[in-house]
Protein backbone atom coordinates (compact mmCIF):
# COMPACT_ATOMS: atom_id res chain seq x y z
CA MET A 1 -7.63 -2.13 -12.75
CA SER A 2 -9.20 0.96 -14.23
CA CYS A 3 -11.14 3.58 -12.35
CA GLN A 4 -14.32 2.34 -13.98
CA GLU A 5 -14.06 -0.91 -12.01
CA GLU A 6 -14.42 0.92 -8.69
CA ASN A 7 -15.86 4.19 -7.37
CA LEU A 8 -15.52 6.85 -10.03
CA HIS A 9 -15.68 9.96 -7.89
CA CYS A 10 -13.83 10.66 -4.69
CA SER A 11 -15.63 12.41 -1.88
CA PRO A 12 -16.01 12.34 1.85
CA HIS A 13 -19.35 10.72 2.58
CA GLY A 14 -20.82 11.37 5.97
CA SER A 15 -22.32 7.94 6.65
CA GLN A 16 -18.87 6.46 7.13
CA GLY A 17 -16.77 9.57 7.52
CA GLU A 18 -17.54 11.03 10.89
CA ASP A 19 -13.79 11.15 11.65
CA SER A 20 -12.80 13.03 8.50
CA ALA A 21 -12.94 16.62 7.38
CA GLY A 22 -13.22 17.24 3.67
CA THR A 23 -11.01 19.76 1.92
CA PRO A 24 -12.24 21.71 -1.08
CA SER A 25 -10.66 20.72 -4.35
CA PRO A 26 -8.85 23.72 -5.86
CA GLY A 27 -10.97 25.56 -8.34
CA THR A 28 -14.13 23.54 -7.71
CA GLY A 29 -15.19 24.08 -4.12
CA GLY A 30 -15.89 20.35 -3.96
CA PRO A 31 -14.20 17.63 -1.93
CA ALA A 32 -10.59 16.58 -2.45
CA ARG A 33 -10.15 13.95 -5.16
CA LEU A 34 -8.12 10.90 -4.21
CA LEU A 35 -6.34 8.35 -6.37
CA VAL A 36 -4.70 5.06 -5.31
CA ALA A 37 -1.96 3.46 -7.43
CA GLU A 38 -1.33 -0.09 -6.17
CA ASP A 39 -0.71 -3.29 -8.14
CA ASN A 40 -1.40 -5.78 -5.33
CA ALA A 41 -5.10 -6.67 -5.12
CA VAL A 42 -5.10 -7.37 -1.36
CA SER A 43 -3.26 -4.15 -0.45
CA ARG A 44 -5.51 -2.22 -2.83
CA ARG A 45 -8.67 -3.54 -1.21
CA VAL A 46 -7.42 -2.90 2.31
CA VAL A 47 -6.48 0.71 1.65
CA LEU A 48 -9.89 1.34 0.04
CA LEU A 49 -11.60 -0.09 3.11
CA GLN A 50 -9.47 2.09 5.36
CA LEU A 51 -10.21 5.22 3.33
CA GLY A 52 -13.89 4.31 3.42
CA ARG A 53 -13.78 4.04 7.20
CA LEU A 54 -12.35 7.57 7.30
CA GLY A 55 -15.09 8.76 4.95
CA TYR A 56 -13.39 8.79 1.56
CA GLU A 57 -13.65 7.05 -1.77
CA ALA A 58 -10.85 6.87 -4.31
CA ASP A 59 -10.23 5.98 -7.91
CA LEU A 60 -7.86 3.09 -8.60
CA VAL A 61 -5.05 2.30 -11.02
CA SER A 62 -2.74 -0.70 -10.92
CA SER A 63 0.30 0.45 -12.88
CA GLY A 64 2.49 3.50 -13.30
CA ARG A 65 1.72 3.90 -16.99
CA GLU A 66 -2.03 3.70 -16.36
CA LEU A 67 -1.61 6.36 -13.69
CA LEU A 68 0.21 8.79 -15.94
CA GLU A 69 -2.33 8.30 -18.71
CA LEU A 70 -5.16 9.04 -16.29
CA LEU A 71 -3.48 12.19 -14.97
CA GLU A 72 -3.37 13.55 -18.51
CA LYS A 73 -7.17 13.35 -18.63
CA ARG A 74 -8.27 14.00 -15.05
CA ARG A 75 -7.13 16.17 -12.17
CA TYR A 76 -6.60 14.80 -8.65
CA ASP A 77 -5.50 16.42 -5.40
CA LEU A 78 -4.02 13.48 -3.49
CA LEU A 79 -2.27 10.33 -4.72
CA PHE A 80 -1.41 7.23 -2.67
CA LEU A 81 1.47 5.75 -4.66
CA ASP A 82 2.91 2.25 -4.27
CA CYS A 83 6.68 2.56 -4.61
CA LEU A 84 7.33 -0.79 -6.27
CA MET A 85 5.03 -1.57 -9.17
CA PRO A 86 6.02 -3.65 -12.22
CA ALA A 87 7.46 -1.96 -15.32
CA MET A 88 7.46 1.56 -13.85
CA ASP A 89 8.01 1.97 -10.12
CA GLY A 90 6.64 4.73 -7.95
CA TYR A 91 9.90 6.68 -7.89
CA LYS A 92 9.93 7.00 -11.68
CA VAL A 93 6.22 7.81 -11.67
CA ALA A 94 6.68 10.59 -9.10
CA ARG A 95 9.49 12.17 -11.11
CA ALA A 96 7.37 11.98 -14.27
CA ILE A 97 4.46 13.66 -12.49
CA ARG A 98 6.65 16.51 -11.26
CA ARG A 99 7.95 17.05 -14.80
CA MET A 100 4.35 17.06 -16.03
CA GLU A 101 3.35 19.68 -13.46
CA GLY A 102 6.23 22.03 -14.15
CA ALA A 103 6.95 24.84 -11.69
CA ARG A 104 3.61 24.64 -9.88
CA ARG A 105 2.89 21.44 -7.98
CA TRP A 106 -0.77 20.57 -7.67
CA LEU A 107 -0.76 16.87 -6.68
CA TRP A 108 0.10 15.78 -3.13
CA ILE A 109 1.84 12.38 -3.34
CA ILE A 110 1.90 9.94 -0.42
CA ALA A 111 4.29 7.02 -0.86
CA MET A 112 3.20 3.55 0.27
CA THR A 113 6.02 1.05 0.67
CA GLY A 114 6.97 -2.11 2.51
CA ALA A 115 10.49 -0.74 2.99
CA GLY A 116 10.46 1.05 6.34
CA LEU A 117 13.93 2.55 6.74
CA ALA A 118 14.84 6.22 6.87
CA ALA A 119 16.83 5.83 3.64
CA ASP A 120 13.68 4.63 1.87
CA ARG A 121 11.79 7.64 3.18
CA ASP A 122 14.53 9.96 1.90
CA ARG A 123 14.42 8.31 -1.53
CA CYS A 124 10.68 9.02 -1.70
CA PHE A 125 11.20 12.70 -0.93
CA GLU A 126 14.08 12.93 -3.40
CA SER A 127 11.77 11.53 -6.10
CA GLY A 128 9.29 14.34 -5.50
CA MET A 129 6.85 12.69 -3.10
CA ASP A 130 5.41 14.67 -0.22
CA ASP A 131 4.67 12.09 2.47
CA TYR A 132 5.33 8.48 3.33
CA LEU A 133 3.30 5.54 4.71
CA PRO A 134 5.08 2.29 5.65
CA LYS A 135 3.22 -0.94 4.89
CA PRO A 136 1.19 -2.54 6.22
CA VAL A 137 -0.70 0.73 6.41
CA ARG A 138 -2.43 1.08 9.76
CA LEU A 139 -5.60 3.10 10.11
CA ASP A 140 -4.16 5.65 12.57
CA ALA A 141 -1.13 6.27 10.35
CA LEU A 142 -3.40 6.74 7.34
CA ARG A 143 -5.53 9.20 9.30
CA ARG A 144 -2.47 11.24 10.25
CA ALA A 145 -1.24 11.25 6.64
CA LEU A 146 -4.63 12.47 5.45
CA GLU A 147 -4.63 15.24 8.04
CA ARG A 148 -1.20 16.40 6.87
CA ALA A 149 -2.28 16.24 3.23
CA LEU A 150 -5.51 18.14 3.78
CA ALA A 151 -3.67 20.86 5.70
CA ALA A 152 -1.15 21.14 2.86
CA LEU A 153 -3.90 21.28 0.25
CA ARG A 154 -5.42 24.23 2.09
CA ARG A 155 -2.10 26.04 2.24
CA ARG A 156 -0.66 24.99 -1.12
CA ALA A 157 2.69 26.15 0.26
CA PRO A 158 5.96 24.29 -0.35
CA GLU A 159 7.31 25.06 3.11
CA GLY A 160 4.81 22.59 4.58
CA ARG A 161 6.96 19.70 3.36
CA THR A 162 9.57 20.32 6.07
CA HIS A 163 7.02 19.73 8.80
CA VAL A 164 5.63 16.69 6.99
CA ALA A 165 9.06 15.06 6.86
CA ALA A 166 9.48 15.47 10.60
CA ALA A 167 6.05 14.00 11.31
CA VAL A 168 6.61 11.11 8.94
CA ALA A 169 9.83 10.18 10.74
CA VAL A 170 7.74 9.20 13.76
CA ASP A 171 5.61 6.83 11.68
CA VAL A 172 8.74 5.34 10.08
CA GLU A 173 10.30 4.71 13.50
CA ARG A 174 7.14 2.93 14.62
CA SER A 175 7.20 0.81 11.48
CA VAL A 176 10.84 -0.17 12.00
CA GLU A 177 10.03 -1.15 15.58
CA ASP A 178 7.18 -3.34 14.32
CA VAL A 179 9.48 -5.07 11.81
CA SER A 180 12.23 -5.59 14.37
CA VAL A 181 9.97 -7.52 16.72
CA SER A 182 8.17 -9.50 14.01
CA ALA A 183 10.54 -12.45 14.38
CA ARG A 184 9.35 -12.85 17.98
CA LEU A 185 5.68 -12.68 17.08
CA PRO A 186 3.58 -15.74 16.22
CA ARG A 187 3.14 -16.92 12.65
CA PHE A 188 -0.22 -15.17 12.52
CA ASP A 189 -1.10 -11.80 14.05
CA PRO A 190 -4.87 -11.61 14.54
CA GLU A 191 -4.77 -7.84 15.16
CA MET A 192 -4.66 -7.08 11.44
CA LEU A 193 -7.89 -8.96 10.77
CA SER A 194 -9.41 -7.47 13.91
CA GLU A 195 -8.67 -4.02 12.50
CA LEU A 196 -10.36 -5.01 9.23
CA ARG A 197 -13.44 -6.08 11.16
CA GLU A 198 -13.49 -2.75 13.01
CA ILE A 199 -13.07 -0.80 9.77
CA GLY A 200 -16.06 -2.56 8.26
CA GLY A 201 -18.41 -1.72 11.10
CA GLY A 202 -21.58 -3.77 10.74
CA ARG A 203 -20.15 -5.54 7.70
CA GLY A 204 -16.76 -6.05 9.32
CA SER A 205 -16.77 -9.84 9.37
CA ALA A 206 -17.89 -10.06 5.75
CA LEU A 207 -15.23 -7.59 4.61
CA ALA A 208 -12.51 -9.39 6.54
CA ARG A 209 -13.56 -12.68 4.90
CA GLU A 210 -13.48 -10.94 1.52
CA VAL A 211 -9.88 -9.81 2.05
CA VAL A 212 -8.86 -13.29 3.25
CA ALA A 213 -10.48 -14.90 0.20
CA LEU A 214 -8.72 -12.42 -2.08
CA PHE A 215 -5.38 -13.22 -0.44
CA ALA A 216 -5.98 -16.97 -0.88
CA LEU A 217 -6.84 -16.40 -4.54
CA GLU A 218 -4.03 -14.00 -5.43
CA THR A 219 -1.10 -15.57 -3.59
CA PRO A 220 -0.79 -18.72 -5.77
CA LEU A 221 -0.63 -16.42 -8.80
CA ILE A 222 2.20 -14.41 -7.25
CA LEU A 223 4.03 -17.61 -6.28
CA GLY A 224 3.67 -18.76 -9.87
CA ARG A 225 5.26 -15.52 -11.10
CA MET A 226 8.12 -16.03 -8.64
CA ARG A 227 8.79 -19.57 -9.91
CA THR A 228 8.60 -18.54 -13.55
CA SER A 229 10.93 -15.59 -12.98
CA LEU A 230 13.40 -17.70 -11.00
CA GLU A 231 13.50 -20.41 -13.67
CA ALA A 232 14.15 -17.76 -16.32
CA GLY A 233 16.92 -16.19 -14.24
CA ASP A 234 14.88 -13.00 -13.91
CA LEU A 235 15.77 -12.09 -10.35
CA ASP A 236 14.29 -8.62 -10.69
CA GLY A 237 10.95 -10.26 -11.45
CA VAL A 238 11.41 -12.40 -8.33
CA ARG A 239 12.15 -9.26 -6.30
CA VAL A 240 9.04 -7.44 -7.50
CA ALA A 241 6.79 -10.46 -6.82
CA ALA A 242 8.33 -10.99 -3.37
CA HIS A 243 7.74 -7.34 -2.51
CA SER A 244 4.10 -7.65 -3.57
CA LEU A 245 3.50 -10.79 -1.50
CA LYS A 246 5.28 -9.24 1.48
CA GLY A 247 2.74 -6.44 1.51
CA SER A 248 -0.37 -8.58 1.15
CA SER A 249 0.90 -11.11 3.73
CA ARG A 250 1.29 -8.42 6.35
CA CYS A 251 -2.13 -7.02 5.47
CA VAL A 252 -3.73 -10.27 6.69
CA GLY A 253 -1.36 -10.66 9.64
CA ALA A 254 0.90 -13.38 8.17
CA LEU A 255 4.06 -12.01 9.75
CA GLN A 256 6.42 -14.93 9.18
CA LEU A 257 5.37 -15.22 5.56
CA GLY A 258 5.96 -11.49 5.12
CA GLY A 259 9.38 -11.83 6.73
CA LEU A 260 10.38 -14.66 4.37
CA CYS A 261 9.26 -12.54 1.41
CA GLU A 262 11.41 -9.69 2.67
CA ARG A 263 14.41 -12.03 2.81
CA LEU A 264 13.64 -13.26 -0.71
CA GLU A 265 13.42 -9.68 -1.91
CA GLY A 266 16.90 -9.05 -0.49
CA ALA A 267 18.33 -12.26 -1.98
CA ALA A 268 16.97 -11.36 -5.41
CA ARG A 269 18.39 -7.86 -5.14
CA ALA A 270 21.78 -9.39 -4.29
CA ASN A 271 21.53 -11.76 -7.28
CA ALA A 272 21.74 -14.78 -4.93
CA ARG A 273 19.82 -17.25 -7.08
CA GLY A 274 20.48 -20.31 -4.91
CA LEU A 275 19.31 -18.60 -1.74
CA ALA A 276 16.29 -17.23 -3.61
CA GLY A 277 15.30 -20.75 -4.64
CA SER A 278 15.62 -22.02 -1.07
CA LEU A 279 13.55 -19.15 0.29
CA LEU A 280 10.88 -19.66 -2.34
CA GLY A 281 10.49 -23.23 -1.16
CA ARG A 282 10.08 -22.06 2.43
CA ILE A 283 7.59 -19.40 1.36
CA THR A 284 5.46 -22.03 -0.39
CA VAL A 285 5.38 -24.19 2.75
CA GLU A 286 4.63 -21.19 4.96
CA PHE A 287 1.79 -20.08 2.70
CA ASP A 288 0.16 -23.50 3.06
CA ALA A 289 0.36 -23.13 6.86
CA VAL A 290 -1.06 -19.59 6.74
CA LEU A 291 -3.85 -20.73 4.45
CA GLY A 292 -4.85 -23.35 7.00
CA ARG A 293 -5.00 -20.72 9.73
CA LEU A 294 -7.03 -18.37 7.54
CA ARG A 295 -9.53 -21.13 6.79
CA VAL A 296 -10.04 -21.52 10.53
CA PHE A 297 -10.63 -17.78 10.72
CA GLU A 298 -13.20 -17.91 7.91
CA ALA A 299 -15.03 -20.75 9.66
CA GLU A 300 -15.09 -18.80 12.91
CA GLU A 301 -16.47 -15.70 11.18
CA THR A 302 -19.38 -17.47 9.45
């Protein structure tokens, strides 16, 4: 998705942004310019809604190559970067950006990833990223990340990264706790959709239905990519698709589906084709169950 398909200019806008404080963009005196790089349509839409609730708009790209091409033409201050995109993942993208910048860093990079372990956080920092948000991204965690970024943009000092890493560790620990208890939670966690309703304010129900409809539309396409990749013996393709569905499932509160996708991601990484096939079958069944629950939600919201 190109920037032209969504909001072209990033700015805090007061009607929705009473909780935010804009930071001047270096050299312009205007608001900070934000960019989101995310290949999953559901995750992309949710993070835009969350940024909007905090008073910000952002440009969008859906691949690493598209991102690098855009950065050659346009300057941004803050990038939300999905770590696992097809063809060129976020780690490679971050390293390419730092080479592009040279000695002086000007772009603050916030990683977004469904992998919530300390080792994953360290890999992000080693790749040149500045901050880290575990998925599903919660509104409070996003607000804290923005506060850290805006403070760093004001300072433009490298020593700020030490303090960011310490603060991020708290968010990572919370994310790991959430994942560890997910097996004991019900198939469907209504809190995620409740948060979407709250983010949308007066249009909350309509926006939540929009995200649910997008999930119902996109998931069969992702499942199709999984099957095609598995049949071709392309377990890396299975892994990437499983990671994508894991993120969008958790965005709508489908915890068990997200957990199965995480297991499939691990099986594909371990080259366990038989286990991957078994898990894909379970994921298909679980998606049908989740879809039924989401249809009930849509009916209740109309």
